[in-house]
Protein backbone atom coordinates (compact mmCIF):
# COMPACT_ATOMS: atom_id res chain seq x y z
CA UNK A 1 6.54 -12.08 14.79
CA UNK A 2 4.61 -8.81 14.67
CA UNK A 3 5.36 -8.10 18.34
CA UNK A 4 9.09 -8.65 17.73
CA UNK A 5 8.88 -6.36 14.72
CA UNK A 6 7.15 -3.68 16.79
CA UNK A 7 9.84 -3.94 19.48
CA UNK A 8 12.57 -3.54 16.86
CA UNK A 9 10.81 -0.51 15.37
CA UNK A 10 10.53 1.03 18.83
CA UNK A 11 14.25 0.46 19.45
CA UNK A 12 15.17 1.88 16.06
CA UNK A 13 13.20 5.06 16.69
CA UNK A 14 14.34 5.75 20.26
CA UNK A 15 16.00 9.11 20.50
CA UNK A 16 14.86 10.30 17.09
CA UNK A 17 12.94 13.52 16.73
CA UNK A 18 9.44 13.33 15.27
CA UNK A 19 10.55 14.29 11.76
CA UNK A 20 13.21 11.56 11.65
CA UNK A 21 10.75 9.03 13.11
CA UNK A 22 8.23 9.92 10.42
CA UNK A 23 10.87 9.53 7.69
CA UNK A 24 12.05 6.17 9.04
CA UNK A 25 8.53 4.78 9.35
CA UNK A 26 7.70 6.02 5.84
CA UNK A 27 10.76 4.17 4.51
CA UNK A 28 9.80 0.99 6.36
CA UNK A 29 6.26 1.15 4.96
CA UNK A 30 7.63 1.69 1.46
CA UNK A 31 10.02 -1.25 1.81
CA UNK A 32 7.23 -3.50 3.10
CA UNK A 33 4.98 -2.54 0.21
CA UNK A 34 7.79 -3.15 -2.29
CA UNK A 35 8.52 -6.55 -0.74
CA UNK A 36 4.88 -7.59 -0.81
CA UNK A 37 4.67 -6.45 -4.43
CA UNK A 38 7.67 -8.60 -5.34
CA UNK A 39 6.11 -11.60 -3.67
CA UNK A 40 2.76 -11.01 -5.35
CA UNK A 41 4.38 -10.68 -8.75
CA UNK A 42 6.26 -13.94 -8.33
CA UNK A 43 9.66 -12.35 -8.93
CA UNK A 44 11.01 -13.32 -5.55
CA UNK A 45 12.23 -16.70 -6.82
CA UNK A 46 14.98 -14.86 -8.70
CA UNK A 47 16.62 -13.88 -5.41
CA UNK A 48 17.43 -16.96 -3.26
CA UNK A 49 19.10 -14.80 -0.60
CA UNK A 50 15.82 -13.00 -0.01
CA UNK A 51 13.93 -16.29 0.25
CA UNK A 52 16.44 -17.35 2.93
CA UNK A 53 15.89 -14.04 4.73
CA UNK A 54 12.12 -14.52 4.65
CA UNK A 55 12.32 -18.06 5.97
CA UNK A 56 14.49 -16.92 8.88
CA UNK A 57 12.29 -13.91 9.58
CA UNK A 58 9.13 -16.00 9.74
CA UNK A 59 10.49 -18.87 11.82
């Protein structure tokens, strides 16, 4: 999965200038940290749509 994620990040940043790339990658890092925090806190069970998303993303 990590290779697929890296390919998608590369595609998403093609054609962006360095400042925009930096901003996008910062946002992705922030979103990943927030997601991991939600999982760690056990609040993820309140959002079944997100659980479905995670199961599809990890399969």
